[in-house]
Each structure stands twice: as C-alpha cells, then as structure tokens.
C-alpha cells in the first residue's frame, strides 16, 4: 500500500489540515474544484454519503507517474437549506 507525506511550505492557506485527505484517484481529468462523492460505512454499520472538494493537485514521481489530490470536506448536501432564518 502506498503512503504519502506532504508539507506546506508556502505562506498562503492551501487547505492542509487534520481533516484533509490526500488521494490517488483512478480516474482521468479531475480538475481543481471538483467534488468527489462516495458512501462510507460507519462503525455502527450505517452507510453515509460523503463529499470532498478537490482543493489542490500535484504530480509525484520523477517522471510524473501519478497525481495526488488534496481534498477538504464539503458540506452535507442531504441537509435542508434554510429560508434565511
């Protein structure tokens, strides 16, 4: 199993935090700003839908053999939107 370490050496906020994911995705042409969606099983056995925003991407390997995607959590789209109350 591959594992990846990263470090934020820039001054601006790039979304690296405890609740970010670094993913290698088996799909082509995923752009920054995309939403990744999947079902996740909780310890209780309940299935919940998760959405993650692709915040940043970068190539890895000496010949750019793959791309890693830094993802941050999105809001839950299953929640109802309030009427401004």
PDB file of N, CA and C in Angstrom:
ATOM      1  N   UNK A   1       0.850  -1.183   0.000  1.00  0.00           N
ATOM      2  CA  UNK A   1       0.000   0.000   0.000  1.00  0.00           C
ATOM      3  C   UNK A   1       0.885   1.231   0.000  1.00  0.00           C
ATOM      4  N   UNK A   2       0.558   2.170  -0.867  1.00  0.00           N
ATOM      5  CA  UNK A   2       1.314   3.413  -0.931  1.00  0.00           C
ATOM      6  C   UNK A   2       0.915   4.328   0.213  1.00  0.00           C
ATOM      7  N   UNK A   3       1.851   5.115   0.657  1.00  0.00           N
ATOM      8  CA  UNK A   3       1.537   6.174   1.612  1.00  0.00           C
ATOM      9  C   UNK A   3       2.291   7.417   1.175  1.00  0.00           C
ATOM     10  N   UNK A   4       1.733   8.568   1.474  1.00  0.00           N
ATOM     11  CA  UNK A   4       2.309   9.815   1.008  1.00  0.00           C
ATOM     12  C   UNK A   4       2.379  10.798   2.159  1.00  0.00           C
ATOM     13  N   UNK A   5       3.477  11.509   2.237  1.00  0.00           N
ATOM     14  CA  UNK A   5       3.656  12.566   3.218  1.00  0.00           C
ATOM     15  C   UNK A   5       3.752  13.881   2.466  1.00  0.00           C
ATOM     16  N   UNK A   6       3.254  14.948   3.056  1.00  0.00           N
ATOM     17  CA  UNK A   6       3.349  16.250   2.404  1.00  0.00           C
ATOM     18  C   UNK A   6       3.633  17.311   3.447  1.00  0.00           C
ATOM     19  N   UNK A   7       4.145  18.431   2.964  1.00  0.00           N
ATOM     20  CA  UNK A   7       4.438  19.550   3.841  1.00  0.00           C
ATOM     21  C   UNK A   7       4.039  20.824   3.120  1.00  0.00           C
ATOM     22  N   UNK A   8       3.396  21.718   3.816  1.00  0.00           N
ATOM     23  CA  UNK A   8       3.024  23.003   3.245  1.00  0.00           C
ATOM     24  C   UNK A   8       4.146  23.988   3.521  1.00  0.00           C
ATOM     25  N   UNK A   9       4.886  24.368   2.485  1.00  0.00           N
ATOM     26  CA  UNK A   9       6.000  25.297   2.651  1.00  0.00           C
ATOM     27  C   UNK A   9       5.657  26.693   2.152  1.00  0.00           C
ATOM     28  N   UNK A  10       4.419  26.918   1.776  1.00  0.00           N
ATOM     29  CA  UNK A  10       4.014  28.218   1.259  1.00  0.00           C
ATOM     30  C   UNK A  10       3.385  29.042   2.369  1.00  0.00           C
ATOM     31  N   UNK A  11       3.269  30.343   2.125  1.00  0.00           N
ATOM     32  CA  UNK A  11       2.705  31.241   3.131  1.00  0.00           C
ATOM     33  C   UNK A  11       1.185  31.243   3.155  1.00  0.00           C
ATOM     34  N   UNK A  12       0.549  30.940   2.020  1.00  0.00           N
ATOM     35  CA  UNK A  12      -0.912  31.005   1.982  1.00  0.00           C
ATOM     36  C   UNK A  12      -1.523  29.699   2.470  1.00  0.00           C
ATOM     37  N   UNK A  13      -2.802  29.747   2.766  1.00  0.00           N
ATOM     38  CA  UNK A  13      -3.511  28.569   3.258  1.00  0.00           C
ATOM     39  C   UNK A  13      -3.878  27.678   2.084  1.00  0.00           C
ATOM     40  N   UNK A  14      -3.367  26.465   2.066  1.00  0.00           N
ATOM     41  CA  UNK A  14      -3.646  25.548   0.964  1.00  0.00           C
ATOM     42  C   UNK A  14      -4.602  24.444   1.370  1.00  0.00           C
ATOM     43  N   UNK A  15      -5.189  24.546   2.544  1.00  0.00           N
ATOM     44  CA  UNK A  15      -6.179  23.559   2.943  1.00  0.00           C
ATOM     45  C   UNK A  15      -5.611  22.368   3.684  1.00  0.00           C
ATOM     46  N   UNK A  16      -4.306  22.325   3.905  1.00  0.00           N
ATOM     47  CA  UNK A  16      -3.743  21.213   4.657  1.00  0.00           C
ATOM     48  C   UNK A  16      -4.146  21.364   6.109  1.00  0.00           C
ATOM     49  N   UNK A  17      -4.841  20.393   6.611  1.00  0.00           N
ATOM     50  CA  UNK A  17      -5.278  20.403   7.993  1.00  0.00           C
ATOM     51  C   UNK A  17      -5.570  18.975   8.400  1.00  0.00           C
ATOM     52  N   UNK A  18      -5.962  18.780   9.629  1.00  0.00           N
ATOM     53  CA  UNK A  18      -6.199  17.424  10.112  1.00  0.00           C
ATOM     54  C   UNK A  18      -7.314  16.714   9.366  1.00  0.00           C
ATOM     55  N   UNK A  19      -8.271  17.451   8.859  1.00  0.00           N
ATOM     56  CA  UNK A  19      -9.395  16.803   8.193  1.00  0.00           C
ATOM     57  C   UNK A  19      -9.292  16.860   6.671  1.00  0.00           C
ATOM     58  N   UNK A  20      -8.079  16.936   6.150  1.00  0.00           N
ATOM     59  CA  UNK A  20      -7.901  16.862   4.699  1.00  0.00           C
ATOM     60  C   UNK A  20      -7.486  15.443   4.319  1.00  0.00           C
ATOM     61  N   UNK A  21      -7.738  15.089   3.073  1.00  0.00           N
ATOM     62  CA  UNK A  21      -7.336  13.794   2.539  1.00  0.00           C
ATOM     63  C   UNK A  21      -6.381  14.019   1.390  1.00  0.00           C
ATOM     64  N   UNK A  22      -5.386  13.170   1.283  1.00  0.00           N
ATOM     65  CA  UNK A  22      -4.536  13.137   0.101  1.00  0.00           C
ATOM     66  C   UNK A  22      -4.840  11.824  -0.588  1.00  0.00           C
ATOM     67  N   UNK A  23      -5.390  11.917  -1.791  1.00  0.00           N
ATOM     68  CA  UNK A  23      -5.881  10.742  -2.501  1.00  0.00           C
ATOM     69  C   UNK A  23      -5.174  10.561  -3.830  1.00  0.00           C
ATOM     70  N   UNK A  24      -5.005   9.327  -4.210  1.00  0.00           N
ATOM     71  CA  UNK A  24      -4.627   8.969  -5.579  1.00  0.00           C
ATOM     72  C   UNK A  24      -5.876   8.345  -6.184  1.00  0.00           C
ATOM     73  N   UNK A  25      -6.437   8.973  -7.202  1.00  0.00           N
ATOM     74  CA  UNK A  25      -7.739   8.592  -7.747  1.00  0.00           C
ATOM     75  C   UNK A  25      -7.549   7.899  -9.092  1.00  0.00           C
ATOM     76  N   UNK A  26      -8.253   6.803  -9.283  1.00  0.00           N
ATOM     77  CA  UNK A  26      -8.167   6.043 -10.535  1.00  0.00           C
ATOM     78  C   UNK A  26      -9.157   6.598 -11.550  1.00  0.00           C
ATOM     79  N   UNK A  27      -8.953   7.847 -11.930  1.00  0.00           N
ATOM     80  CA  UNK A  27      -9.788   8.500 -12.938  1.00  0.00           C
ATOM     81  C   UNK A  27      -8.940   9.572 -13.612  1.00  0.00           C
ATOM     82  N   UNK A  28      -9.317   9.926 -14.817  1.00  0.00           N
ATOM     83  CA  UNK A  28      -8.583  10.942 -15.565  1.00  0.00           C
ATOM     84  C   UNK A  28      -9.321  12.274 -15.517  1.00  0.00           C
ATOM     85  N   UNK A  29      -8.572  13.339 -15.705  1.00  0.00           N
ATOM     86  CA  UNK A  29      -9.131  14.687 -15.867  1.00  0.00           C
ATOM     87  C   UNK A  29      -9.975  15.149 -14.691  1.00  0.00           C
ATOM     88  N   UNK A  30      -9.491  14.966 -13.490  1.00  0.00           N
ATOM     89  CA  UNK A  30     -10.160  15.523 -12.314  1.00  0.00           C
ATOM     90  C   UNK A  30      -9.579  16.913 -12.100  1.00  0.00           C
ATOM     91  N   UNK A  31     -10.404  17.919 -12.155  1.00  0.00           N
ATOM     92  CA  UNK A  31      -9.910  19.288 -12.051  1.00  0.00           C
ATOM     93  C   UNK A  31     -10.072  19.816 -10.632  1.00  0.00           C
ATOM     94  N   UNK A  32      -9.284  20.833 -10.317  1.00  0.00           N
ATOM     95  CA  UNK A  32      -9.418  21.514  -9.035  1.00  0.00           C
ATOM     96  C   UNK A  32     -10.811  22.127  -8.988  1.00  0.00           C
ATOM     97  N   UNK A  33     -11.484  21.967  -7.880  1.00  0.00           N
ATOM     98  CA  UNK A  33     -12.851  22.447  -7.739  1.00  0.00           C
ATOM     99  C   UNK A  33     -13.886  21.357  -7.918  1.00  0.00           C
ATOM    100  N   UNK A  34     -13.442  20.176  -8.333  1.00  0.00           N
ATOM    101  CA  UNK A  34     -14.371  19.052  -8.482  1.00  0.00           C
ATOM    102  C   UNK A  34     -14.822  18.556  -7.114  1.00  0.00           C
ATOM    103  N   UNK A  35     -15.943  17.861  -7.106  1.00  0.00           N
ATOM    104  CA  UNK A  35     -16.451  17.232  -5.892  1.00  0.00           C
ATOM    105  C   UNK A  35     -16.360  15.724  -6.066  1.00  0.00           C
ATOM    106  N   UNK A  36     -15.710  15.053  -5.116  1.00  0.00           N
ATOM    107  CA  UNK A  36     -15.660  13.591  -5.102  1.00  0.00           C
ATOM    108  C   UNK A  36     -16.705  13.106  -4.106  1.00  0.00           C
ATOM    109  N   UNK A  37     -17.418  12.062  -4.468  1.00  0.00           N
ATOM    110  CA  UNK A  37     -18.516  11.560  -3.645  1.00  0.00           C
ATOM    111  C   UNK A  37     -18.386  10.051  -3.494  1.00  0.00           C
ATOM    112  N   UNK A  38     -18.622   9.545  -2.292  1.00  0.00           N
ATOM    113  CA  UNK A  38     -18.656   8.104  -2.067  1.00  0.00           C
ATOM    114  C   UNK A  38     -19.456   7.800  -0.817  1.00  0.00           C
ATOM    115  N   UNK A  39     -19.833   6.538  -0.676  1.00  0.00           N
ATOM    116  CA  UNK A  39     -20.519   6.069   0.526  1.00  0.00           C
ATOM    117  C   UNK A  39     -19.487   5.537   1.505  1.00  0.00           C
ATOM    118  N   UNK A  40     -19.681   5.860   2.766  1.00  0.00           N
ATOM    119  CA  UNK A  40     -18.766   5.433   3.826  1.00  0.00           C
ATOM    120  C   UNK A  40     -19.566   4.681   4.879  1.00  0.00           C
ATOM    121  N   UNK A  41     -19.033   3.556   5.321  1.00  0.00           N
ATOM    122  CA  UNK A  41     -19.713   2.777   6.355  1.00  0.00           C
ATOM    123  C   UNK A  41     -19.166   3.160   7.722  1.00  0.00           C
ATOM    124  N   UNK A  42     -20.057   3.555   8.622  1.00  0.00           N
ATOM    125  CA  UNK A  42     -19.679   3.900   9.984  1.00  0.00           C
ATOM    126  C   UNK A  42     -19.506   2.629  10.805  1.00  0.00           C
ATOM    127  N   UNK A  43     -18.924   2.753  11.993  1.00  0.00           N
ATOM    128  CA  UNK A  43     -18.713   1.598  12.863  1.00  0.00           C
ATOM    129  C   UNK A  43     -20.036   0.924  13.228  1.00  0.00           C
ATOM    130  N   UNK A  44     -21.109   1.692  13.245  1.00  0.00           N
ATOM    131  CA  UNK A  44     -22.428   1.142  13.574  1.00  0.00           C
ATOM    132  C   UNK A  44     -23.030   0.341  12.422  1.00  0.00           C
ATOM    133  N   UNK A  45     -22.400   0.394  11.255  1.00  0.00           N
ATOM    134  CA  UNK A  45     -22.921  -0.295  10.081  1.00  0.00           C
ATOM    135  C   UNK A  45     -23.758   0.599   9.184  1.00  0.00           C
ATOM    136  N   UNK A  46     -24.043   1.809   9.651  1.00  0.00           N
ATOM    137  CA  UNK A  46     -24.830   2.766   8.862  1.00  0.00           C
ATOM    138  C   UNK A  46     -23.992   3.300   7.698  1.00  0.00           C
ATOM    139  N   UNK A  47     -24.617   3.423   6.531  1.00  0.00           N
ATOM    140  CA  UNK A  47     -23.948   3.986   5.361  1.00  0.00           C
ATOM    141  C   UNK A  47     -24.287   5.468   5.263  1.00  0.00           C
ATOM    142  N   UNK A  48     -23.260   6.289   5.111  1.00  0.00           N
ATOM    143  CA  UNK A  48     -23.465   7.730   4.931  1.00  0.00           C
ATOM    144  C   UNK A  48     -22.727   8.173   3.674  1.00  0.00           C
ATOM    145  N   UNK A  49     -23.269   9.168   3.014  1.00  0.00           N
ATOM    146  CA  UNK A  49     -22.659   9.697   1.800  1.00  0.00           C
ATOM    147  C   UNK A  49     -21.722  10.837   2.179  1.00  0.00           C
ATOM    148  N   UNK A  50     -20.536  10.851   1.610  1.00  0.00           N
ATOM    149  CA  UNK A  50     -19.526  11.881   1.886  1.00  0.00           C
ATOM    150  C   UNK A  50     -19.171  12.612   0.600  1.00  0.00           C
ATOM    151  N   UNK A  51     -18.918  13.920   0.732  1.00  0.00           N
ATOM    152  CA  UNK A  51     -18.472  14.740  -0.388  1.00  0.00           C
ATOM    153  C   UNK A  51     -17.183  15.437   0.014  1.00  0.00           C
ATOM    154  N   UNK A  52     -16.198  15.419  -0.892  1.00  0.00           N
ATOM    155  CA  UNK A  52     -14.911  16.070  -0.663  1.00  0.00           C
ATOM    156  C   UNK A  52     -14.596  16.954  -1.859  1.00  0.00           C
ATOM    157  N   UNK A  53     -14.115  18.153  -1.578  1.00  0.00           N
ATOM    158  CA  UNK A  53     -13.769  19.155  -2.582  1.00  0.00           C
ATOM    159  C   UNK A  53     -12.294  18.996  -2.951  1.00  0.00           C
ATOM    160  N   UNK A  54     -11.995  18.911  -4.248  1.00  0.00           N
ATOM    161  CA  UNK A  54     -10.602  18.820  -4.700  1.00  0.00           C
ATOM    162  C   UNK A  54     -10.012  20.223  -4.630  1.00  0.00           C
ATOM    163  N   UNK A  55      -9.148  20.425  -3.641  1.00  0.00           N
ATOM    164  CA  UNK A  55      -8.587  21.746  -3.362  1.00  0.00           C
ATOM    165  C   UNK A  55      -7.287  21.996  -4.115  1.00  0.00           C
ATOM    166  N   UNK A  56      -6.528  20.953  -4.320  1.00  0.00           N
ATOM    167  CA  UNK A  56      -5.211  21.104  -4.944  1.00  0.00           C
ATOM    168  C   UNK A  56      -4.793  19.763  -5.511  1.00  0.00           C
ATOM    169  N   UNK A  57      -3.959  19.782  -6.530  1.00  0.00           N
ATOM    170  CA  UNK A  57      -3.414  18.531  -7.059  1.00  0.00           C
ATOM    171  C   UNK A  57      -1.956  18.752  -7.426  1.00  0.00           C
ATOM    172  N   UNK A  58      -1.174  17.676  -7.331  1.00  0.00           N
ATOM    173  CA  UNK A  58       0.227  17.767  -7.721  1.00  0.00           C
ATOM    174  C   UNK A  58       0.710  16.403  -8.180  1.00  0.00           C
ATOM    175  N   UNK A  59       1.659  16.425  -9.101  1.00  0.00           N
ATOM    176  CA  UNK A  59       2.231  15.193  -9.636  1.00  0.00           C
ATOM    177  C   UNK A  59       3.280  14.653  -8.684  1.00  0.00           C
ATOM    178  N   UNK A  60       3.483  13.350  -8.713  1.00  0.00           N
ATOM    179  CA  UNK A  60       4.536  12.743  -7.911  1.00  0.00           C
ATOM    180  C   UNK A  60       5.344  11.802  -8.784  1.00  0.00           C
ATOM    181  N   UNK A  61       6.517  11.465  -8.317  1.00  0.00           N
ATOM    182  CA  UNK A  61       7.421  10.590  -9.067  1.00  0.00           C
ATOM    183  C   UNK A  61       8.335  11.399  -9.969  1.00  0.00           C
ATOM    184  N   UNK A  62       9.481  10.838 -10.263  1.00  0.00           N
ATOM    185  CA  UNK A  62      10.455  11.556 -11.085  1.00  0.00           C
ATOM    186  C   UNK A  62       9.969  11.780 -12.502  1.00  0.00           C
ATOM    187  N   UNK A  63       9.081  10.936 -12.980  1.00  0.00           N
ATOM    188  CA  UNK A  63       8.537  11.096 -14.331  1.00  0.00           C
ATOM    189  C   UNK A  63       7.059  11.479 -14.285  1.00  0.00           C
ATOM    190  N   UNK A  64       6.623  12.075 -13.183  1.00  0.00           N
ATOM    191  CA  UNK A  64       5.219  12.453 -13.001  1.00  0.00           C
ATOM    192  C   UNK A  64       4.303  11.271 -13.310  1.00  0.00           C
ATOM    193  N   UNK A  65       4.548  10.169 -12.624  1.00  0.00           N
ATOM    194  CA  UNK A  65       3.822   8.928 -12.897  1.00  0.00           C
ATOM    195  C   UNK A  65       2.397   8.926 -12.357  1.00  0.00           C
ATOM    196  N   UNK A  66       2.057   9.878 -11.531  1.00  0.00           N
ATOM    197  CA  UNK A  66       0.709   9.919 -10.990  1.00  0.00           C
ATOM    198  C   UNK A  66       0.395  11.287 -10.429  1.00  0.00           C
ATOM    199  N   UNK A  67      -0.824  11.454  -9.999  1.00  0.00           N
ATOM    200  CA  UNK A  67      -1.281  12.719  -9.429  1.00  0.00           C
ATOM    201  C   UNK A  67      -1.905  12.450  -8.068  1.00  0.00           C
ATOM    202  N   UNK A  68      -1.568  13.289  -7.110  1.00  0.00           N
ATOM    203  CA  UNK A  68      -2.185  13.246  -5.783  1.00  0.00           C
ATOM    204  C   UNK A  68      -3.129  14.430  -5.660  1.00  0.00           C
ATOM    205  N   UNK A  69      -4.273  14.190  -5.044  1.00  0.00           N
ATOM    206  CA  UNK A  69      -5.296  15.216  -4.896  1.00  0.00           C
ATOM    207  C   UNK A  69      -5.484  15.523  -3.420  1.00  0.00           C
ATOM    208  N   UNK A  70      -5.339  16.794  -3.054  1.00  0.00           N
ATOM    209  CA  UNK A  70      -5.610  17.232  -1.689  1.00  0.00           C
ATOM    210  C   UNK A  70      -7.079  17.628  -1.642  1.00  0.00           C
ATOM    211  N   UNK A  71      -7.843  16.949  -0.786  1.00  0.00           N
ATOM    212  CA  UNK A  71      -9.285  17.167  -0.704  1.00  0.00           C
ATOM    213  C   UNK A  71      -9.657  17.646   0.690  1.00  0.00           C
ATOM    214  N   UNK A  72     -10.612  18.561   0.742  1.00  0.00           N
ATOM    215  CA  UNK A  72     -11.131  19.051   2.013  1.00  0.00           C
ATOM    216  C   UNK A  72     -12.632  18.760   2.054  1.00  0.00           C
ATOM    217  N   UNK A  73     -13.201  18.589   3.250  1.00  0.00           N
ATOM    218  CA  UNK A  73     -14.610  18.195   3.340  1.00  0.00           C
ATOM    219  C   UNK A  73     -15.549  19.272   2.813  1.00  0.00           C
ATOM    220  N   UNK A  74     -16.618  18.818   2.181  1.00  0.00           N
ATOM    221  CA  UNK A  74     -17.712  19.698   1.749  1.00  0.00           C
ATOM    222  C   UNK A  74     -18.825  19.624   2.776  1.00  0.00           C
ATOM    223  N   UNK A  75     -19.796  20.483   2.627  1.00  0.00           N
ATOM    224  CA  UNK A  75     -20.989  20.399   3.466  1.00  0.00           C
ATOM    225  C   UNK A  75     -21.780  19.164   3.073  1.00  0.00           C
ATOM    226  N   UNK A  76     -22.687  18.758   3.889  1.00  0.00           N
ATOM    227  CA  UNK A  76     -23.553  17.634   3.579  1.00  0.00           C
ATOM    228  C   UNK A  76     -24.702  18.135   2.724  1.00  0.00           C
ATOM    229  N   UNK A  77     -24.778  17.683   1.496  1.00  0.00           N
ATOM    230  CA  UNK A  77     -25.807  18.151   0.578  1.00  0.00           C
ATOM    231  C   UNK A  77     -27.172  17.570   0.900  1.00  0.00           C
ATOM    232  N   UNK A  78     -27.239  16.572   1.765  1.00  0.00           N
ATOM    233  CA  UNK A  78     -28.517  15.986   2.145  1.00  0.00           C
ATOM    234  C   UNK A  78     -29.257  16.829   3.174  1.00  0.00           C
ATOM    235  N   UNK A  79     -28.582  17.812   3.788  1.00  0.00           N
ATOM    236  CA  UNK A  79     -29.238  18.686   4.751  1.00  0.00           C
ATOM    237  C   UNK A  79     -30.154  19.651   4.013  1.00  0.00           C
ATOM    238  N   UNK A  80     -31.229  20.044   4.655  1.00  0.00           N
ATOM    239  CA  UNK A  80     -32.128  21.010   4.026  1.00  0.00           C
ATOM    240  C   UNK A  80     -31.538  22.408   4.148  1.00  0.00           C
ATOM    241  N   UNK A  81     -31.827  23.227   3.157  1.00  0.00           N
ATOM    242  CA  UNK A  81     -31.356  24.608   3.153  1.00  0.00           C
ATOM    243  C   UNK A  81     -32.423  25.461   3.820  1.00  0.00           C
ATOM    244  N   UNK A  82     -32.011  26.287   4.779  1.00  0.00           N
ATOM    245  CA  UNK A  82     -32.986  27.123   5.483  1.00  0.00           C
ATOM    246  C   UNK A  82     -33.397  28.297   4.599  1.00  0.00           C
ATOM    247  N   UNK A  83     -34.502  28.904   4.925  1.00  0.00           N
ATOM    248  CA  UNK A  83     -35.019  30.050   4.175  1.00  0.00           C
ATOM    249  C   UNK A  83     -34.479  31.362   4.722  1.00  0.00           C
ATOM    250  N   UNK A  84     -33.241  31.369   5.189  1.00  0.00           N
ATOM    251  CA  UNK A  84     -32.647  32.583   5.715  1.00  0.00           C
ATOM    252  C   UNK A  84     -32.992  32.852   7.163  1.00  0.00           C
ATOM    253  N   UNK A  85     -33.557  31.884   7.830  1.00  0.00           N
ATOM    254  CA  UNK A  85     -33.932  32.072   9.230  1.00  0.00           C
ATOM    255  C   UNK A  85     -32.761  31.798  10.132  1.00  0.00           C
TER     256      UNK A  85
END
